[in-house]
ModelCIF file with pLDDT and N, C-alpha, C, O atoms, coordinates in Angstrom:
data_MODEL
#
_entry.id   MODEL 
#
_entity.id                         1 
_entity.type                       polymer 
_entity.pdbx_number_of_molecules   1 
#
_entity_poly.entity_id                      1 
_entity_poly.type                           'polypeptide(L)' 
_entity_poly.nstd_linkage                   no 
_entity_poly.nstd_monomer                   no 
_entity_poly.pdbx_seq_one_letter_code       
;(UNK)(UNK)(UNK)(UNK)(UNK)(UNK)(UNK)(UNK)(UNK)(UNK)(UNK)(UNK)(UNK)(UNK)(UNK)(UNK)
(UNK)(UNK)(UNK)(UNK)(UNK)(UNK)(UNK)(UNK)(UNK)(UNK)(UNK)(UNK)(UNK)(UNK)
;
_entity_poly.pdbx_seq_one_letter_code_can   XXXXXXXXXXXXXXXXXXXXXXXXXXXXXX 
_entity_poly.pdbx_strand_id                 A 
#
loop_
_entity_poly_seq.entity_id 
_entity_poly_seq.num 
_entity_poly_seq.mon_id 
_entity_poly_seq.hetero 
1 1  UNK n 
1 2  UNK n 
1 3  UNK n 
1 4  UNK n 
1 5  UNK n 
1 6  UNK n 
1 7  UNK n 
1 8  UNK n 
1 9  UNK n 
1 10 UNK n 
1 11 UNK n 
1 12 UNK n 
1 13 UNK n 
1 14 UNK n 
1 15 UNK n 
1 16 UNK n 
1 17 UNK n 
1 18 UNK n 
1 19 UNK n 
1 20 UNK n 
1 21 UNK n 
1 22 UNK n 
1 23 UNK n 
1 24 UNK n 
1 25 UNK n 
1 26 UNK n 
1 27 UNK n 
1 28 UNK n 
1 29 UNK n 
1 30 UNK n 
#
_struct_asym.id          A 
_struct_asym.entity_id   1 
#
loop_
_ma_qa_metric.id 
_ma_qa_metric.mode 
_ma_qa_metric.name 
_ma_qa_metric.software_group_id 
_ma_qa_metric.type 
1 global pLDDT . pLDDT 
2 local  pLDDT . pLDDT 
#
_ma_qa_metric_global.metric_id      1 
_ma_qa_metric_global.metric_value   88.73 
_ma_qa_metric_global.model_id       1 
_ma_qa_metric_global.ordinal_id     1 
#
loop_
_ma_qa_metric_local.label_asym_id 
_ma_qa_metric_local.label_comp_id 
_ma_qa_metric_local.label_seq_id 
_ma_qa_metric_local.metric_id 
_ma_qa_metric_local.metric_value 
_ma_qa_metric_local.model_id 
_ma_qa_metric_local.ordinal_id 
A UNK 1  2 73.00 1 1  
A UNK 2  2 68.00 1 2  
A UNK 3  2 70.00 1 3  
A UNK 4  2 77.00 1 4  
A UNK 5  2 82.00 1 5  
A UNK 6  2 88.00 1 6  
A UNK 7  2 90.00 1 7  
A UNK 8  2 92.00 1 8  
A UNK 9  2 92.00 1 9  
A UNK 10 2 92.00 1 10 
A UNK 11 2 92.00 1 11 
A UNK 12 2 92.00 1 12 
A UNK 13 2 91.00 1 13 
A UNK 14 2 93.00 1 14 
A UNK 15 2 91.00 1 15 
A UNK 16 2 93.00 1 16 
A UNK 17 2 91.00 1 17 
A UNK 18 2 91.00 1 18 
A UNK 19 2 91.00 1 19 
A UNK 20 2 87.00 1 20 
A UNK 21 2 90.00 1 21 
A UNK 22 2 93.00 1 22 
A UNK 23 2 92.00 1 23 
A UNK 24 2 94.00 1 24 
A UNK 25 2 93.00 1 25 
A UNK 26 2 95.00 1 26 
A UNK 27 2 93.00 1 27 
A UNK 28 2 93.00 1 28 
A UNK 29 2 92.00 1 29 
A UNK 30 2 91.00 1 30 
#
loop_
_atom_site.group_PDB 
_atom_site.id 
_atom_site.type_symbol 
_atom_site.label_atom_id 
_atom_site.label_alt_id 
_atom_site.label_comp_id 
_atom_site.label_asym_id 
_atom_site.label_entity_id 
_atom_site.label_seq_id 
_atom_site.pdbx_PDB_ins_code 
_atom_site.Cartn_x 
_atom_site.Cartn_y 
_atom_site.Cartn_z 
_atom_site.occupancy 
_atom_site.B_iso_or_equiv 
_atom_site.pdbx_formal_charge 
_atom_site.auth_seq_id 
_atom_site.auth_comp_id 
_atom_site.auth_asym_id 
_atom_site.auth_atom_id 
_atom_site.pdbx_PDB_model_num 
ATOM 1   N N  . UNK A 1 1  ? 8.161   -11.578 -19.258 1.00 73.00 ? 1  UNK A N  1 
ATOM 2   C CA . UNK A 1 1  ? 9.182   -10.541 -19.367 1.00 73.00 ? 1  UNK A CA 1 
ATOM 3   C C  . UNK A 1 1  ? 10.563  -11.070 -19.720 1.00 73.00 ? 1  UNK A C  1 
ATOM 4   O O  . UNK A 1 1  ? 11.506  -10.282 -19.799 1.00 73.00 ? 1  UNK A O  1 
ATOM 5   N N  . UNK A 1 2  ? 10.718  -12.352 -19.930 1.00 68.00 ? 2  UNK A N  1 
ATOM 6   C CA . UNK A 1 2  ? 12.012  -12.908 -20.271 1.00 68.00 ? 2  UNK A CA 1 
ATOM 7   C C  . UNK A 1 2  ? 12.609  -13.666 -19.105 1.00 68.00 ? 2  UNK A C  1 
ATOM 8   O O  . UNK A 1 2  ? 12.132  -13.574 -17.974 1.00 68.00 ? 2  UNK A O  1 
ATOM 9   N N  . UNK A 1 3  ? 13.667  -14.422 -19.399 1.00 70.00 ? 3  UNK A N  1 
ATOM 10  C CA . UNK A 1 3  ? 14.249  -15.305 -18.395 1.00 70.00 ? 3  UNK A CA 1 
ATOM 11  C C  . UNK A 1 3  ? 14.930  -14.546 -17.272 1.00 70.00 ? 3  UNK A C  1 
ATOM 12  O O  . UNK A 1 3  ? 15.206  -15.126 -16.222 1.00 70.00 ? 3  UNK A O  1 
ATOM 13  N N  . UNK A 1 4  ? 15.207  -13.273 -17.463 1.00 77.00 ? 4  UNK A N  1 
ATOM 14  C CA . UNK A 1 4  ? 15.793  -12.441 -16.406 1.00 77.00 ? 4  UNK A CA 1 
ATOM 15  C C  . UNK A 1 4  ? 15.036  -11.125 -16.370 1.00 77.00 ? 4  UNK A C  1 
ATOM 16  O O  . UNK A 1 4  ? 14.863  -10.482 -17.406 1.00 77.00 ? 4  UNK A O  1 
ATOM 17  N N  . UNK A 1 5  ? 14.582  -10.714 -15.185 1.00 82.00 ? 5  UNK A N  1 
ATOM 18  C CA . UNK A 1 5  ? 13.732  -9.531  -15.100 1.00 82.00 ? 5  UNK A CA 1 
ATOM 19  C C  . UNK A 1 5  ? 14.102  -8.676  -13.902 1.00 82.00 ? 5  UNK A C  1 
ATOM 20  O O  . UNK A 1 5  ? 14.759  -9.115  -12.959 1.00 82.00 ? 5  UNK A O  1 
ATOM 21  N N  . UNK A 1 6  ? 13.648  -7.431  -13.987 1.00 88.00 ? 6  UNK A N  1 
ATOM 22  C CA . UNK A 1 6  ? 13.765  -6.464  -12.896 1.00 88.00 ? 6  UNK A CA 1 
ATOM 23  C C  . UNK A 1 6  ? 12.363  -6.030  -12.516 1.00 88.00 ? 6  UNK A C  1 
ATOM 24  O O  . UNK A 1 6  ? 11.601  -5.569  -13.366 1.00 88.00 ? 6  UNK A O  1 
ATOM 25  N N  . UNK A 1 7  ? 12.020  -6.174  -11.240 1.00 90.00 ? 7  UNK A N  1 
ATOM 26  C CA . UNK A 1 7  ? 10.710  -5.746  -10.756 1.00 90.00 ? 7  UNK A CA 1 
ATOM 27  C C  . UNK A 1 7  ? 10.906  -4.904  -9.506  1.00 90.00 ? 7  UNK A C  1 
ATOM 28  O O  . UNK A 1 7  ? 11.593  -5.317  -8.572  1.00 90.00 ? 7  UNK A O  1 
ATOM 29  N N  . UNK A 1 8  ? 10.299  -3.720  -9.492  1.00 92.00 ? 8  UNK A N  1 
ATOM 30  C CA . UNK A 1 8  ? 10.439  -2.774  -8.385  1.00 92.00 ? 8  UNK A CA 1 
ATOM 31  C C  . UNK A 1 8  ? 9.054   -2.307  -7.975  1.00 92.00 ? 8  UNK A C  1 
ATOM 32  O O  . UNK A 1 8  ? 8.256   -1.914  -8.825  1.00 92.00 ? 8  UNK A O  1 
ATOM 33  N N  . UNK A 1 9  ? 8.760   -2.345  -6.683  1.00 92.00 ? 9  UNK A N  1 
ATOM 34  C CA . UNK A 1 9  ? 7.467   -1.908  -6.184  1.00 92.00 ? 9  UNK A CA 1 
ATOM 35  C C  . UNK A 1 9  ? 7.605   -1.019  -4.959  1.00 92.00 ? 9  UNK A C  1 
ATOM 36  O O  . UNK A 1 9  ? 8.534   -1.179  -4.167  1.00 92.00 ? 9  UNK A O  1 
ATOM 37  N N  . UNK A 1 10 ? 6.669   -0.074  -4.807  1.00 92.00 ? 10 UNK A N  1 
ATOM 38  C CA . UNK A 1 10 ? 6.629   0.821   -3.659  1.00 92.00 ? 10 UNK A CA 1 
ATOM 39  C C  . UNK A 1 10 ? 5.205   0.953   -3.167  1.00 92.00 ? 10 UNK A C  1 
ATOM 40  O O  . UNK A 1 10 ? 4.261   0.865   -3.952  1.00 92.00 ? 10 UNK A O  1 
ATOM 41  N N  . UNK A 1 11 ? 5.041   1.166   -1.855  1.00 92.00 ? 11 UNK A N  1 
ATOM 42  C CA . UNK A 1 11 ? 3.704   1.307   -1.276  1.00 92.00 ? 11 UNK A CA 1 
ATOM 43  C C  . UNK A 1 11 ? 3.771   2.249   -0.084  1.00 92.00 ? 11 UNK A C  1 
ATOM 44  O O  . UNK A 1 11 ? 4.788   2.316   0.607   1.00 92.00 ? 11 UNK A O  1 
ATOM 45  N N  . UNK A 1 12 ? 2.673   2.984   0.157   1.00 92.00 ? 12 UNK A N  1 
ATOM 46  C CA . UNK A 1 12 ? 2.551   3.870   1.307   1.00 92.00 ? 12 UNK A CA 1 
ATOM 47  C C  . UNK A 1 12 ? 1.102   3.879   1.753   1.00 92.00 ? 12 UNK A C  1 
ATOM 48  O O  . UNK A 1 12 ? 0.193   3.787   0.928   1.00 92.00 ? 12 UNK A O  1 
ATOM 49  N N  . UNK A 1 13 ? 0.882   3.990   3.057   1.00 91.00 ? 13 UNK A N  1 
ATOM 50  C CA . UNK A 1 13 ? -0.485  3.985   3.580   1.00 91.00 ? 13 UNK A CA 1 
ATOM 51  C C  . UNK A 1 13 ? -0.590  4.917   4.781   1.00 91.00 ? 13 UNK A C  1 
ATOM 52  O O  . UNK A 1 13 ? 0.311   4.974   5.618   1.00 91.00 ? 13 UNK A O  1 
ATOM 53  N N  . UNK A 1 14 ? -1.696  5.640   4.853   1.00 93.00 ? 14 UNK A N  1 
ATOM 54  C CA . UNK A 1 14 ? -2.026  6.510   5.975   1.00 93.00 ? 14 UNK A CA 1 
ATOM 55  C C  . UNK A 1 14 ? -3.312  5.991   6.604   1.00 93.00 ? 14 UNK A C  1 
ATOM 56  O O  . UNK A 1 14 ? -4.328  5.854   5.922   1.00 93.00 ? 14 UNK A O  1 
ATOM 57  N N  . UNK A 1 15 ? -3.272  5.706   7.893   1.00 91.00 ? 15 UNK A N  1 
ATOM 58  C CA . UNK A 1 15 ? -4.418  5.112   8.600   1.00 91.00 ? 15 UNK A CA 1 
ATOM 59  C C  . UNK A 1 15 ? -4.936  6.082   9.654   1.00 91.00 ? 15 UNK A C  1 
ATOM 60  O O  . UNK A 1 15 ? -4.171  6.662   10.425  1.00 91.00 ? 15 UNK A O  1 
ATOM 61  N N  . UNK A 1 16 ? -6.258  6.242   9.666   1.00 93.00 ? 16 UNK A N  1 
ATOM 62  C CA . UNK A 1 16 ? -6.913  7.059   10.677  1.00 93.00 ? 16 UNK A CA 1 
ATOM 63  C C  . UNK A 1 16 ? -7.893  6.180   11.446  1.00 93.00 ? 16 UNK A C  1 
ATOM 64  O O  . UNK A 1 16 ? -8.829  5.634   10.863  1.00 93.00 ? 16 UNK A O  1 
ATOM 65  N N  . UNK A 1 17 ? -7.680  6.043   12.753  1.00 91.00 ? 17 UNK A N  1 
ATOM 66  C CA . UNK A 1 17 ? -8.555  5.230   13.603  1.00 91.00 ? 17 UNK A CA 1 
ATOM 67  C C  . UNK A 1 17 ? -9.595  6.157   14.232  1.00 91.00 ? 17 UNK A C  1 
ATOM 68  O O  . UNK A 1 17 ? -9.342  6.800   15.251  1.00 91.00 ? 17 UNK A O  1 
ATOM 69  N N  . UNK A 1 18 ? -10.753 6.209   13.610  1.00 91.00 ? 18 UNK A N  1 
ATOM 70  C CA . UNK A 1 18 ? -11.807 7.109   14.070  1.00 91.00 ? 18 UNK A CA 1 
ATOM 71  C C  . UNK A 1 18 ? -12.297 6.722   15.459  1.00 91.00 ? 18 UNK A C  1 
ATOM 72  O O  . UNK A 1 18 ? -12.608 7.575   16.290  1.00 91.00 ? 18 UNK A O  1 
ATOM 73  N N  . UNK A 1 19 ? -12.358 5.412   15.690  1.00 91.00 ? 19 UNK A N  1 
ATOM 74  C CA . UNK A 1 19 ? -12.761 4.896   16.993  1.00 91.00 ? 19 UNK A CA 1 
ATOM 75  C C  . UNK A 1 19 ? -12.185 3.499   17.139  1.00 91.00 ? 19 UNK A C  1 
ATOM 76  O O  . UNK A 1 19 ? -11.463 3.028   16.261  1.00 91.00 ? 19 UNK A O  1 
ATOM 77  N N  . UNK A 1 20 ? -12.497 2.841   18.234  1.00 87.00 ? 20 UNK A N  1 
ATOM 78  C CA . UNK A 1 20 ? -12.007 1.473   18.418  1.00 87.00 ? 20 UNK A CA 1 
ATOM 79  C C  . UNK A 1 20 ? -12.656 0.505   17.434  1.00 87.00 ? 20 UNK A C  1 
ATOM 80  O O  . UNK A 1 20 ? -12.192 -0.622  17.266  1.00 87.00 ? 20 UNK A O  1 
ATOM 81  N N  . UNK A 1 21 ? -13.731 0.949   16.784  1.00 90.00 ? 21 UNK A N  1 
ATOM 82  C CA . UNK A 1 21 ? -14.449 0.055   15.859  1.00 90.00 ? 21 UNK A CA 1 
ATOM 83  C C  . UNK A 1 21 ? -14.318 0.480   14.403  1.00 90.00 ? 21 UNK A C  1 
ATOM 84  O O  . UNK A 1 21 ? -14.531 -0.338  13.509  1.00 90.00 ? 21 UNK A O  1 
ATOM 85  N N  . UNK A 1 22 ? -13.974 1.736   14.142  1.00 93.00 ? 22 UNK A N  1 
ATOM 86  C CA . UNK A 1 22 ? -13.972 2.255   12.779  1.00 93.00 ? 22 UNK A CA 1 
ATOM 87  C C  . UNK A 1 22 ? -12.612 2.844   12.427  1.00 93.00 ? 22 UNK A C  1 
ATOM 88  O O  . UNK A 1 22 ? -12.003 3.548   13.233  1.00 93.00 ? 22 UNK A O  1 
ATOM 89  N N  . UNK A 1 23 ? -12.131 2.547   11.191  1.00 92.00 ? 23 UNK A N  1 
ATOM 90  C CA . UNK A 1 23 ? -10.848 3.100   10.732  1.00 92.00 ? 23 UNK A CA 1 
ATOM 91  C C  . UNK A 1 23 ? -10.904 3.326   9.226   1.00 92.00 ? 23 UNK A C  1 
ATOM 92  O O  . UNK A 1 23 ? -11.650 2.663   8.505   1.00 92.00 ? 23 UNK A O  1 
ATOM 93  N N  . UNK A 1 24 ? -10.089 4.286   8.767   1.00 94.00 ? 24 UNK A N  1 
ATOM 94  C CA . UNK A 1 24 ? -9.956  4.600   7.349   1.00 94.00 ? 24 UNK A CA 1 
ATOM 95  C C  . UNK A 1 24 ? -8.493  4.414   6.943   1.00 94.00 ? 24 UNK A C  1 
ATOM 96  O O  . UNK A 1 24 ? -7.572  4.683   7.715   1.00 94.00 ? 24 UNK A O  1 
ATOM 97  N N  . UNK A 1 25 ? -8.310  3.946   5.708   1.00 93.00 ? 25 UNK A N  1 
ATOM 98  C CA . UNK A 1 25 ? -6.956  3.685   5.222   1.00 93.00 ? 25 UNK A CA 1 
ATOM 99  C C  . UNK A 1 25 ? -6.824  4.233   3.804   1.00 93.00 ? 25 UNK A C  1 
ATOM 100 O O  . UNK A 1 25 ? -7.535  3.799   2.897   1.00 93.00 ? 25 UNK A O  1 
ATOM 101 N N  . UNK A 1 26 ? -5.915  5.185   3.616   1.00 95.00 ? 26 UNK A N  1 
ATOM 102 C CA . UNK A 1 26 ? -5.615  5.747   2.302   1.00 95.00 ? 26 UNK A CA 1 
ATOM 103 C C  . UNK A 1 26 ? -4.259  5.201   1.875   1.00 95.00 ? 26 UNK A C  1 
ATOM 104 O O  . UNK A 1 26 ? -3.266  5.386   2.579   1.00 95.00 ? 26 UNK A O  1 
ATOM 105 N N  . UNK A 1 27 ? -4.209  4.538   0.738   1.00 93.00 ? 27 UNK A N  1 
ATOM 106 C CA . UNK A 1 27 ? -2.963  3.882   0.334   1.00 93.00 ? 27 UNK A CA 1 
ATOM 107 C C  . UNK A 1 27 ? -2.659  4.129   -1.131  1.00 93.00 ? 27 UNK A C  1 
ATOM 108 O O  . UNK A 1 27 ? -3.554  4.348   -1.948  1.00 93.00 ? 27 UNK A O  1 
ATOM 109 N N  . UNK A 1 28 ? -1.371  4.089   -1.441  1.00 93.00 ? 28 UNK A N  1 
ATOM 110 C CA . UNK A 1 28 ? -0.871  4.235   -2.799  1.00 93.00 ? 28 UNK A CA 1 
ATOM 111 C C  . UNK A 1 28 ? 0.219   3.187   -3.014  1.00 93.00 ? 28 UNK A C  1 
ATOM 112 O O  . UNK A 1 28 ? 1.033   2.940   -2.124  1.00 93.00 ? 28 UNK A O  1 
ATOM 113 N N  . UNK A 1 29 ? 0.233   2.576   -4.192  1.00 92.00 ? 29 UNK A N  1 
ATOM 114 C CA . UNK A 1 29 ? 1.325   1.659   -4.508  1.00 92.00 ? 29 UNK A CA 1 
ATOM 115 C C  . UNK A 1 29 ? 1.540   1.616   -6.011  1.00 92.00 ? 29 UNK A C  1 
ATOM 116 O O  . UNK A 1 29 ? 0.671   2.000   -6.794  1.00 92.00 ? 29 UNK A O  1 
ATOM 117 N N  . UNK A 1 30 ? 2.691   1.150   -6.389  1.00 91.00 ? 30 UNK A N  1 
ATOM 118 C CA . UNK A 1 30 ? 3.043   1.028   -7.800  1.00 91.00 ? 30 UNK A CA 1 
ATOM 119 C C  . UNK A 1 30 ? 4.081   -0.048  -7.999  1.00 91.00 ? 30 UNK A C  1 
ATOM 120 O O  . UNK A 1 30 ? 4.503   -0.296  -9.128  1.00 91.00 ? 30 UNK A O  1 
#
C-alpha cells in the first residue's frame, strides 16, 4: 500500500453460553 498507509478495523461479537460446556459466538469484523 505504499510507504505510508491508513488501516482501520472494527469488530463485534455476541456470545450465548448455552451451558457450562457449550457456547455460540456470532461475530462481524471488517
